[in-house]
Amino acid sequence: MSLTKQYLKSKPVCKVTFRLPAEAAKEASNVHIVGEFNDWNIYAIPLQKLRDGTFKVTVELEPNHEYQFRYLIDDSTWENDWEADKYVPSPFGNSDNSVVVV
């Protein structure tokens, strides 16, 4: 599973763990998650590369929102989350953005 959600009882946030599988990031040296939750800043949230080649990061998001996002691989290739909650057309052309609903 590439998106896991943990709602905290102690504060109004949801910890969302994003995973990009090794098959999607073959031989990538870096991956960043870019989306509405970080003002589409391509360097704000790097993912950690695991031993099996998967990249992952956990981000705290405000519940009751939908956030569009994509992965940026090696500063050049955009990839969607293969198991996003839904997809919406990108305003920048002929592709979709992934959406996480929290």
PDB file of N, CA and C in Angstrom:
ATOM      1  N   MET A   1       0.845  -1.187   0.000  1.00  0.00           N
ATOM      2  CA  MET A   1       0.000   0.000   0.000  1.00  0.00           C
ATOM      3  C   MET A   1       0.885   1.244   0.000  1.00  0.00           C
ATOM      4  N   SER A   2       0.562   2.201  -0.825  1.00  0.00           N
ATOM      5  CA  SER A   2       1.445   3.354  -0.927  1.00  0.00           C
ATOM      6  C   SER A   2       1.011   4.543  -0.084  1.00  0.00           C
ATOM      7  N   LEU A   3      -0.233   4.567   0.380  1.00  0.00           N
ATOM      8  CA  LEU A   3      -0.690   5.632   1.270  1.00  0.00           C
ATOM      9  C   LEU A   3      -1.250   5.009   2.540  1.00  0.00           C
ATOM     10  N   THR A   4      -0.694   5.380   3.687  1.00  0.00           N
ATOM     11  CA  THR A   4      -1.268   4.946   4.954  1.00  0.00           C
ATOM     12  C   THR A   4      -1.552   6.181   5.789  1.00  0.00           C
ATOM     13  N   LYS A   5      -2.663   6.143   6.530  1.00  0.00           N
ATOM     14  CA  LYS A   5      -3.114   7.302   7.295  1.00  0.00           C
ATOM     15  C   LYS A   5      -3.279   6.922   8.757  1.00  0.00           C
ATOM     16  N   GLN A   6      -2.805   7.807   9.627  1.00  0.00           N
ATOM     17  CA  GLN A   6      -2.966   7.615  11.067  1.00  0.00           C
ATOM     18  C   GLN A   6      -3.483   8.922  11.658  1.00  0.00           C
ATOM     19  N   TYR A   7      -4.730   8.888  12.124  1.00  0.00           N
ATOM     20  CA  TYR A   7      -5.330  10.080  12.733  1.00  0.00           C
ATOM     21  C   TYR A   7      -4.929  10.124  14.203  1.00  0.00           C
ATOM     22  N   LEU A   8      -4.406  11.263  14.627  1.00  0.00           N
ATOM     23  CA  LEU A   8      -3.961  11.408  16.006  1.00  0.00           C
ATOM     24  C   LEU A   8      -5.106  11.884  16.891  1.00  0.00           C
ATOM     25  N   LYS A   9      -5.155  11.332  18.104  1.00  0.00           N
ATOM     26  CA  LYS A   9      -6.164  11.767  19.060  1.00  0.00           C
ATOM     27  C   LYS A   9      -5.684  12.977  19.843  1.00  0.00           C
ATOM     28  N   SER A  10      -4.373  13.137  19.934  1.00  0.00           N
ATOM     29  CA  SER A  10      -3.797  14.207  20.749  1.00  0.00           C
ATOM     30  C   SER A  10      -3.852  15.581  20.082  1.00  0.00           C
ATOM     31  N   LYS A  11      -3.926  15.608  18.747  1.00  0.00           N
ATOM     32  CA  LYS A  11      -4.022  16.877  18.031  1.00  0.00           C
ATOM     33  C   LYS A  11      -4.710  16.641  16.700  1.00  0.00           C
ATOM     34  N   PRO A  12      -5.290  17.699  16.116  1.00  0.00           N
ATOM     35  CA  PRO A  12      -6.081  17.528  14.893  1.00  0.00           C
ATOM     36  C   PRO A  12      -5.224  17.415  13.632  1.00  0.00           C
ATOM     37  N   VAL A  13      -4.471  16.346  13.523  1.00  0.00           N
ATOM     38  CA  VAL A  13      -3.690  16.089  12.320  1.00  0.00           C
ATOM     39  C   VAL A  13      -3.801  14.619  11.940  1.00  0.00           C
ATOM     40  N   CYS A  14      -3.501  14.364  10.697  1.00  0.00           N
ATOM     41  CA  CYS A  14      -3.423  12.997  10.191  1.00  0.00           C
ATOM     42  C   CYS A  14      -2.006  12.796   9.674  1.00  0.00           C
ATOM     43  N   LYS A  15      -1.344  11.773  10.178  1.00  0.00           N
ATOM     44  CA  LYS A  15      -0.013  11.433   9.667  1.00  0.00           C
ATOM     45  C   LYS A  15      -0.207  10.532   8.447  1.00  0.00           C
ATOM     46  N   VAL A  16       0.219  11.040   7.300  1.00  0.00           N
ATOM     47  CA  VAL A  16       0.085  10.281   6.060  1.00  0.00           C
ATOM     48  C   VAL A  16       1.483   9.841   5.630  1.00  0.00           C
ATOM     49  N   THR A  17       1.635   8.541   5.446  1.00  0.00           N
ATOM     50  CA  THR A  17       2.898   8.008   4.949  1.00  0.00           C
ATOM     51  C   THR A  17       2.743   7.721   3.458  1.00  0.00           C
ATOM     52  N   PHE A  18       3.583   8.382   2.684  1.00  0.00           N
ATOM     53  CA  PHE A  18       3.600   8.223   1.232  1.00  0.00           C
ATOM     54  C   PHE A  18       4.736   7.275   0.872  1.00  0.00           C
ATOM     55  N   ARG A  19       4.465   6.312   0.005  1.00  0.00           N
ATOM     56  CA  ARG A  19       5.481   5.363  -0.452  1.00  0.00           C
ATOM     57  C   ARG A  19       5.472   5.311  -1.975  1.00  0.00           C
ATOM     58  N   LEU A  20       6.649   5.435  -2.537  1.00  0.00           N
ATOM     59  CA  LEU A  20       6.808   5.250  -3.974  1.00  0.00           C
ATOM     60  C   LEU A  20       7.574   3.948  -4.162  1.00  0.00           C
ATOM     61  N   PRO A  21       6.949   2.926  -4.763  1.00  0.00           N
ATOM     62  CA  PRO A  21       7.605   1.622  -4.875  1.00  0.00           C
ATOM     63  C   PRO A  21       8.848   1.661  -5.755  1.00  0.00           C
ATOM     64  N   ALA A  22       9.734   0.722  -5.509  1.00  0.00           N
ATOM     65  CA  ALA A  22      10.990   0.643  -6.250  1.00  0.00           C
ATOM     66  C   ALA A  22      10.745   0.561  -7.756  1.00  0.00           C
ATOM     67  N   GLU A  23       9.669  -0.131  -8.169  1.00  0.00           N
ATOM     68  CA  GLU A  23       9.385  -0.272  -9.601  1.00  0.00           C
ATOM     69  C   GLU A  23       9.114   1.083 -10.253  1.00  0.00           C
ATOM     70  N   ALA A  24       8.580   2.025  -9.490  1.00  0.00           N
ATOM     71  CA  ALA A  24       8.254   3.345 -10.037  1.00  0.00           C
ATOM     72  C   ALA A  24       9.468   4.266 -10.059  1.00  0.00           C
ATOM     73  N   ALA A  25      10.459   3.944  -9.240  1.00  0.00           N
ATOM     74  CA  ALA A  25      11.624   4.831  -9.112  1.00  0.00           C
ATOM     75  C   ALA A  25      12.913   4.075  -9.395  1.00  0.00           C
ATOM     76  N   LYS A  26      12.897   3.306 -10.469  1.00  0.00           N
ATOM     77  CA  LYS A  26      14.073   2.504 -10.819  1.00  0.00           C
ATOM     78  C   LYS A  26      15.331   3.358 -10.898  1.00  0.00           C
ATOM     79  N   GLU A  27      16.318   2.977 -10.110  1.00  0.00           N
ATOM     80  CA  GLU A  27      17.638   3.619 -10.110  1.00  0.00           C
ATOM     81  C   GLU A  27      17.589   5.109  -9.789  1.00  0.00           C
ATOM     82  N   ALA A  28      16.514   5.572  -9.171  1.00  0.00           N
ATOM     83  CA  ALA A  28      16.431   6.986  -8.789  1.00  0.00           C
ATOM     84  C   ALA A  28      17.385   7.274  -7.644  1.00  0.00           C
ATOM     85  N   SER A  29      17.981   8.456  -7.682  1.00  0.00           N
ATOM     86  CA  SER A  29      18.844   8.842  -6.563  1.00  0.00           C
ATOM     87  C   SER A  29      18.103   9.720  -5.568  1.00  0.00           C
ATOM     88  N   ASN A  30      17.045  10.424  -6.038  1.00  0.00           N
ATOM     89  CA  ASN A  30      16.252  11.205  -5.089  1.00  0.00           C
ATOM     90  C   ASN A  30      14.822  11.338  -5.591  1.00  0.00           C
ATOM     91  N   VAL A  31      13.915  11.446  -4.618  1.00  0.00           N
ATOM     92  CA  VAL A  31      12.496  11.637  -4.897  1.00  0.00           C
ATOM     93  C   VAL A  31      11.973  12.663  -3.911  1.00  0.00           C
ATOM     94  N   HIS A  32      11.162  13.594  -4.403  1.00  0.00           N
ATOM     95  CA  HIS A  32      10.505  14.584  -3.550  1.00  0.00           C
ATOM     96  C   HIS A  32       9.002  14.474  -3.761  1.00  0.00           C
ATOM     97  N   ILE A  33       8.240  14.739  -2.706  1.00  0.00           N
ATOM     98  CA  ILE A  33       6.793  14.824  -2.854  1.00  0.00           C
ATOM     99  C   ILE A  33       6.440  16.297  -2.950  1.00  0.00           C
ATOM    100  N   VAL A  34       5.628  16.603  -3.943  1.00  0.00           N
ATOM    101  CA  VAL A  34       5.309  17.995  -4.260  1.00  0.00           C
ATOM    102  C   VAL A  34       3.793  18.108  -4.337  1.00  0.00           C
ATOM    103  N   GLY A  35       3.225  19.072  -3.600  1.00  0.00           N
ATOM    104  CA  GLY A  35       1.780  19.174  -3.638  1.00  0.00           C
ATOM    105  C   GLY A  35       1.238  20.416  -2.972  1.00  0.00           C
ATOM    106  N   GLU A  36      -0.073  20.419  -2.833  1.00  0.00           N
ATOM    107  CA  GLU A  36      -0.751  21.568  -2.245  1.00  0.00           C
ATOM    108  C   GLU A  36      -0.337  21.801  -0.800  1.00  0.00           C
ATOM    109  N   PHE A  37       0.027  20.738  -0.102  1.00  0.00           N
ATOM    110  CA  PHE A  37       0.398  20.869   1.307  1.00  0.00           C
ATOM    111  C   PHE A  37       1.774  21.509   1.517  1.00  0.00           C
ATOM    112  N   ASN A  38       2.557  21.682   0.453  1.00  0.00           N
ATOM    113  CA  ASN A  38       3.840  22.390   0.575  1.00  0.00           C
ATOM    114  C   ASN A  38       3.993  23.463  -0.512  1.00  0.00           C
ATOM    115  N   ASP A  39       2.855  23.983  -0.953  1.00  0.00           N
ATOM    116  CA  ASP A  39       2.822  25.038  -1.984  1.00  0.00           C
ATOM    117  C   ASP A  39       3.571  24.646  -3.248  1.00  0.00           C
ATOM    118  N   TRP A  40       3.554  23.366  -3.577  1.00  0.00           N
ATOM    119  CA  TRP A  40       4.197  22.835  -4.782  1.00  0.00           C
ATOM    120  C   TRP A  40       5.695  23.138  -4.828  1.00  0.00           C
ATOM    121  N   ASN A  41       6.321  23.189  -3.658  1.00  0.00           N
ATOM    122  CA  ASN A  41       7.765  23.410  -3.558  1.00  0.00           C
ATOM    123  C   ASN A  41       8.475  22.088  -3.870  1.00  0.00           C
ATOM    124  N   ILE A  42       9.240  22.061  -4.945  1.00  0.00           N
ATOM    125  CA  ILE A  42       9.823  20.790  -5.404  1.00  0.00           C
ATOM    126  C   ILE A  42      10.941  20.258  -4.511  1.00  0.00           C
ATOM    127  N   TYR A  43      11.447  21.064  -3.583  1.00  0.00           N
ATOM    128  CA  TYR A  43      12.526  20.594  -2.711  1.00  0.00           C
ATOM    129  C   TYR A  43      12.133  20.525  -1.244  1.00  0.00           C
ATOM    130  N   ALA A  44      10.892  20.856  -0.894  1.00  0.00           N
ATOM    131  CA  ALA A  44      10.498  20.974   0.513  1.00  0.00           C
ATOM    132  C   ALA A  44      10.478  19.635   1.249  1.00  0.00           C
ATOM    133  N   ILE A  45      10.049  18.558   0.568  1.00  0.00           N
ATOM    134  CA  ILE A  45       9.867  17.288   1.272  1.00  0.00           C
ATOM    135  C   ILE A  45      10.536  16.140   0.514  1.00  0.00           C
ATOM    136  N   PRO A  46      11.789  15.848   0.845  1.00  0.00           N
ATOM    137  CA  PRO A  46      12.449  14.694   0.221  1.00  0.00           C
ATOM    138  C   PRO A  46      11.976  13.385   0.848  1.00  0.00           C
ATOM    139  N   LEU A  47      11.939  12.337   0.060  1.00  0.00           N
ATOM    140  CA  LEU A  47      11.610  11.010   0.567  1.00  0.00           C
ATOM    141  C   LEU A  47      12.903  10.277   0.897  1.00  0.00           C
ATOM    142  N   GLN A  48      12.803   9.383   1.854  1.00  0.00           N
ATOM    143  CA  GLN A  48      13.955   8.567   2.260  1.00  0.00           C
ATOM    144  C   GLN A  48      13.964   7.282   1.440  1.00  0.00           C
ATOM    145  N   LYS A  49      15.137   6.914   0.931  1.00  0.00           N
ATOM    146  CA  LYS A  49      15.250   5.673   0.159  1.00  0.00           C
ATOM    147  C   LYS A  49      15.511   4.518   1.112  1.00  0.00           C
ATOM    148  N   LEU A  50      14.683   3.481   1.029  1.00  0.00           N
ATOM    149  CA  LEU A  50      14.833   2.302   1.869  1.00  0.00           C
ATOM    150  C   LEU A  50      15.691   1.262   1.160  1.00  0.00           C
ATOM    151  N   ARG A  51      16.106   0.253   1.903  1.00  0.00           N
ATOM    152  CA  ARG A  51      16.994  -0.778   1.338  1.00  0.00           C
ATOM    153  C   ARG A  51      16.402  -1.500   0.139  1.00  0.00           C
ATOM    154  N   ASP A  52      15.063  -1.654   0.140  1.00  0.00           N
ATOM    155  CA  ASP A  52      14.431  -2.381  -0.963  1.00  0.00           C
ATOM    156  C   ASP A  52      14.187  -1.501  -2.191  1.00  0.00           C
ATOM    157  N   GLY A  53      14.643  -0.235  -2.142  1.00  0.00           N
ATOM    158  CA  GLY A  53      14.488   0.672  -3.274  1.00  0.00           C
ATOM    159  C   GLY A  53      13.239   1.528  -3.210  1.00  0.00           C
ATOM    160  N   THR A  54      12.369   1.250  -2.244  1.00  0.00           N
ATOM    161  CA  THR A  54      11.169   2.061  -2.030  1.00  0.00           C
ATOM    162  C   THR A  54      11.578   3.399  -1.420  1.00  0.00           C
ATOM    163  N   PHE A  55      10.853   4.440  -1.776  1.00  0.00           N
ATOM    164  CA  PHE A  55      11.049   5.751  -1.149  1.00  0.00           C
ATOM    165  C   PHE A  55       9.838   6.038  -0.271  1.00  0.00           C
ATOM    166  N   LYS A  56      10.060   6.640   0.914  1.00  0.00           N
ATOM    167  CA  LYS A  56       8.922   6.944   1.773  1.00  0.00           C
ATOM    168  C   LYS A  56       9.156   8.194   2.603  1.00  0.00           C
ATOM    169  N   VAL A  57       8.029   8.806   3.011  1.00  0.00           N
ATOM    170  CA  VAL A  57       8.057   9.966   3.896  1.00  0.00           C
ATOM    171  C   VAL A  57       6.704  10.037   4.591  1.00  0.00           C
ATOM    172  N   THR A  58       6.710  10.576   5.825  1.00  0.00           N
ATOM    173  CA  THR A  58       5.460  10.795   6.554  1.00  0.00           C
ATOM    174  C   THR A  58       5.264  12.295   6.731  1.00  0.00           C
ATOM    175  N   VAL A  59       4.061  12.753   6.404  1.00  0.00           N
ATOM    176  CA  VAL A  59       3.717  14.172   6.453  1.00  0.00           C
ATOM    177  C   VAL A  59       2.467  14.337   7.314  1.00  0.00           C
ATOM    178  N   GLU A  60       2.457  15.361   8.166  1.00  0.00           N
ATOM    179  CA  GLU A  60       1.264  15.659   8.958  1.00  0.00           C
ATOM    180  C   GLU A  60       0.367  16.606   8.171  1.00  0.00           C
ATOM    181  N   LEU A  61      -0.876  16.182   7.944  1.00  0.00           N
ATOM    182  CA  LEU A  61      -1.831  16.976   7.173  1.00  0.00           C
ATOM    183  C   LEU A  61      -3.075  17.271   8.002  1.00  0.00           C
ATOM    184  N   GLU A  62      -3.699  18.395   7.719  1.00  0.00           N
ATOM    185  CA  GLU A  62      -4.927  18.779   8.405  1.00  0.00           C
ATOM    186  C   GLU A  62      -6.083  17.932   7.872  1.00  0.00           C
ATOM    187  N   PRO A  63      -6.854  17.308   8.779  1.00  0.00           N
ATOM    188  CA  PRO A  63      -7.974  16.471   8.335  1.00  0.00           C
ATOM    189  C   PRO A  63      -9.084  17.278   7.656  1.00  0.00           C
ATOM    190  N   ASN A  64      -9.984  16.547   7.022  1.00  0.00           N
ATOM    191  CA  ASN A  64     -11.148  17.109   6.327  1.00  0.00           C
ATOM    192  C   ASN A  64     -10.759  17.943   5.116  1.00  0.00           C
ATOM    193  N   HIS A  65      -9.684  17.524   4.448  1.00  0.00           N
ATOM    194  CA  HIS A  65      -9.231  18.203   3.239  1.00  0.00           C
ATOM    195  C   HIS A  65      -8.815  17.166   2.202  1.00  0.00           C
ATOM    196  N   GLU A  66      -8.744  17.635   0.976  1.00  0.00           N
ATOM    197  CA  GLU A  66      -8.171  16.853  -0.115  1.00  0.00           C
ATOM    198  C   GLU A  66      -6.942  17.602  -0.612  1.00  0.00           C
ATOM    199  N   TYR A  67      -5.860  16.873  -0.837  1.00  0.00           N
ATOM    200  CA  TYR A  67      -4.607  17.492  -1.255  1.00  0.00           C
ATOM    201  C   TYR A  67      -4.128  16.845  -2.549  1.00  0.00           C
ATOM    202  N   GLN A  68      -3.887  17.671  -3.569  1.00  0.00           N
ATOM    203  CA  GLN A  68      -3.288  17.170  -4.799  1.00  0.00           C
ATOM    204  C   GLN A  68      -1.773  17.086  -4.608  1.00  0.00           C
ATOM    205  N   PHE A  69      -1.157  16.082  -5.242  1.00  0.00           N
ATOM    206  CA  PHE A  69       0.293  15.931  -5.143  1.00  0.00           C
ATOM    207  C   PHE A  69       0.804  15.049  -6.269  1.00  0.00           C
ATOM    208  N   ARG A  70       2.122  15.086  -6.443  1.00  0.00           N
ATOM    209  CA  ARG A  70       2.837  14.179  -7.354  1.00  0.00           C
ATOM    210  C   ARG A  70       4.228  13.957  -6.781  1.00  0.00           C
ATOM    211  N   TYR A  71       4.894  12.933  -7.280  1.00  0.00           N
ATOM    212  CA  TYR A  71       6.285  12.671  -6.920  1.00  0.00           C
ATOM    213  C   TYR A  71       7.184  13.209  -8.030  1.00  0.00           C
ATOM    214  N   LEU A  72       8.305  13.804  -7.640  1.00  0.00           N
ATOM    215  CA  LEU A  72       9.304  14.272  -8.600  1.00  0.00           C
ATOM    216  C   LEU A  72      10.556  13.414  -8.418  1.00  0.00           C
ATOM    217  N   ILE A  73      10.892  12.656  -9.449  1.00  0.00           N
ATOM    218  CA  ILE A  73      12.004  11.709  -9.400  1.00  0.00           C
ATOM    219  C   ILE A  73      13.219  12.325 -10.086  1.00  0.00           C
ATOM    220  N   ASP A  74      14.330  12.395  -9.352  1.00  0.00           N
ATOM    221  CA  ASP A  74      15.599  12.917  -9.879  1.00  0.00           C
ATOM    222  C   ASP A  74      15.442  14.274 -10.570  1.00  0.00           C
ATOM    223  N   ASP A  75      14.586  15.116 -10.020  1.00  0.00           N
ATOM    224  CA  ASP A  75      14.384  16.492 -10.502  1.00  0.00           C
ATOM    225  C   ASP A  75      13.901  16.576 -11.942  1.00  0.00           C
ATOM    226  N   SER A  76      13.422  15.460 -12.517  1.00  0.00           N
ATOM    227  CA  SER A  76      13.062  15.528 -13.935  1.00  0.00           C
ATOM    228  C   SER A  76      11.812  14.753 -14.321  1.00  0.00           C
ATOM    229  N   THR A  77      11.442  13.719 -13.584  1.00  0.00           N
ATOM    230  CA  THR A  77      10.333  12.863 -13.976  1.00  0.00           C
ATOM    231  C   THR A  77       9.213  12.942 -12.948  1.00  0.00           C
ATOM    232  N   TRP A  78       8.007  13.236 -13.416  1.00  0.00           N
ATOM    233  CA  TRP A  78       6.842  13.288 -12.534  1.00  0.00           C
ATOM    234  C   TRP A  78       6.148  11.942 -12.524  1.00  0.00           C
ATOM    235  N   GLU A  79       5.704  11.517 -11.338  1.00  0.00           N
ATOM    236  CA  GLU A  79       5.016  10.228 -11.192  1.00  0.00           C
ATOM    237  C   GLU A  79       3.839  10.407 -10.238  1.00  0.00           C
ATOM    238  N   ASN A  80       2.721   9.759 -10.558  1.00  0.00           N
ATOM    239  CA  ASN A  80       1.586   9.755  -9.657  1.00  0.00           C
ATOM    240  C   ASN A  80       1.704   8.616  -8.664  1.00  0.00           C
ATOM    241  N   ASP A  81       0.951   8.711  -7.593  1.00  0.00           N
ATOM    242  CA  ASP A  81       0.855   7.616  -6.642  1.00  0.00           C
ATOM    243  C   ASP A  81      -0.066   6.562  -7.249  1.00  0.00           C
ATOM    244  N   TRP A  82       0.391   5.329  -7.308  1.00  0.00           N
ATOM    245  CA  TRP A  82      -0.359   4.269  -7.968  1.00  0.00           C
ATOM    246  C   TRP A  82      -1.619   3.885  -7.198  1.00  0.00           C
ATOM    247  N   GLU A  83      -1.684   4.253  -5.924  1.00  0.00           N
ATOM    248  CA  GLU A  83      -2.843   3.901  -5.109  1.00  0.00           C
ATOM    249  C   GLU A  83      -3.429   5.134  -4.433  1.00  0.00           C
ATOM    250  N   ALA A  84      -3.418   6.258  -5.128  1.00  0.00           N
ATOM    251  CA  ALA A  84      -3.990   7.487  -4.572  1.00  0.00           C
ATOM    252  C   ALA A  84      -5.489   7.302  -4.338  1.00  0.00           C
ATOM    253  N   ASP A  85      -6.044   8.150  -3.483  1.00  0.00           N
ATOM    254  CA  ASP A  85      -7.481   8.082  -3.207  1.00  0.00           C
ATOM    255  C   ASP A  85      -8.298   8.426  -4.446  1.00  0.00           C
ATOM    256  N   LYS A  86      -7.782   9.324  -5.264  1.00  0.00           N
ATOM    257  CA  LYS A  86      -8.409   9.648  -6.547  1.00  0.00           C
ATOM    258  C   LYS A  86      -7.422  10.451  -7.373  1.00  0.00           C
ATOM    259  N   TYR A  87      -7.831  10.791  -8.593  1.00  0.00           N
ATOM    260  CA  TYR A  87      -6.992  11.561  -9.508  1.00  0.00           C
ATOM    261  C   TYR A  87      -7.823  12.686 -10.095  1.00  0.00           C
ATOM    262  N   VAL A  88      -7.184  13.825 -10.326  1.00  0.00           N
ATOM    263  CA  VAL A  88      -7.864  14.960 -10.955  1.00  0.00           C
ATOM    264  C   VAL A  88      -6.952  15.493 -12.059  1.00  0.00           C
ATOM    265  N   PRO A  89      -7.550  16.079 -13.108  1.00  0.00           N
ATOM    266  CA  PRO A  89      -6.726  16.619 -14.192  1.00  0.00           C
ATOM    267  C   PRO A  89      -5.800  17.729 -13.686  1.00  0.00           C
ATOM    268  N   SER A  90      -4.581  17.696 -14.137  1.00  0.00           N
ATOM    269  CA  SER A  90      -3.623  18.749 -13.809  1.00  0.00           C
ATOM    270  C   SER A  90      -3.951  20.006 -14.604  1.00  0.00           C
ATOM    271  N   PRO A  91      -3.830  21.176 -13.987  1.00  0.00           N
ATOM    272  CA  PRO A  91      -4.075  22.404 -14.740  1.00  0.00           C
ATOM    273  C   PRO A  91      -2.957  22.718 -15.734  1.00  0.00           C
ATOM    274  N   PHE A  92      -1.881  21.907 -15.733  1.00  0.00           N
ATOM    275  CA  PHE A  92      -0.717  22.195 -16.573  1.00  0.00           C
ATOM    276  C   PHE A  92      -0.592  21.298 -17.790  1.00  0.00           C
ATOM    277  N   GLY A  93      -1.650  20.597 -18.155  1.00  0.00           N
ATOM    278  CA  GLY A  93      -1.509  19.817 -19.370  1.00  0.00           C
ATOM    279  C   GLY A  93      -2.221  18.498 -19.354  1.00  0.00           C
ATOM    280  N   ASN A  94      -1.642  17.549 -20.073  1.00  0.00           N
ATOM    281  CA  ASN A  94      -2.309  16.285 -20.372  1.00  0.00           C
ATOM    282  C   ASN A  94      -2.002  15.192 -19.358  1.00  0.00           C
ATOM    283  N   SER A  95      -1.965  15.518 -18.084  1.00  0.00           N
ATOM    284  CA  SER A  95      -1.715  14.513 -17.061  1.00  0.00           C
ATOM    285  C   SER A  95      -2.659  14.745 -15.890  1.00  0.00           C
ATOM    286  N   ASP A  96      -2.657  13.816 -14.977  1.00  0.00           N
ATOM    287  CA  ASP A  96      -3.473  13.918 -13.766  1.00  0.00           C
ATOM    288  C   ASP A  96      -2.571  14.148 -12.563  1.00  0.00           C
ATOM    289  N   ASN A  97      -3.169  14.687 -11.498  1.00  0.00           N
ATOM    290  CA  ASN A  97      -2.504  14.762 -10.203  1.00  0.00           C
ATOM    291  C   ASN A  97      -3.125  13.712  -9.298  1.00  0.00           C
ATOM    292  N   SER A  98      -2.322  13.162  -8.407  1.00  0.00           N
ATOM    293  CA  SER A  98      -2.826  12.279  -7.384  1.00  0.00           C
ATOM    294  C   SER A  98      -3.516  13.110  -6.314  1.00  0.00           C
ATOM    295  N   VAL A  99      -4.472  12.505  -5.613  1.00  0.00           N
ATOM    296  CA  VAL A  99      -5.160  13.188  -4.520  1.00  0.00           C
ATOM    297  C   VAL A  99      -5.189  12.275  -3.303  1.00  0.00           C
ATOM    298  N   VAL A 100      -4.854  12.836  -2.144  1.00  0.00           N
ATOM    299  CA  VAL A 100      -5.034  12.131  -0.876  1.00  0.00           C
ATOM    300  C   VAL A 100      -6.150  12.843  -0.122  1.00  0.00           C
ATOM    301  N   VAL A 101      -7.090  12.068   0.399  1.00  0.00           N
ATOM    302  CA  VAL A 101      -8.226  12.605   1.146  1.00  0.00           C
ATOM    303  C   VAL A 101      -8.023  12.244   2.612  1.00  0.00           C
ATOM    304  N   VAL A 102      -7.962  13.273   3.466  1.00  0.00           N
ATOM    305  CA  VAL A 102      -7.776  13.011   4.904  1.00  0.00           C
ATOM    306  C   VAL A 102      -8.910  13.633   5.703  1.00  0.00           C
TER     307      VAL A 102
END
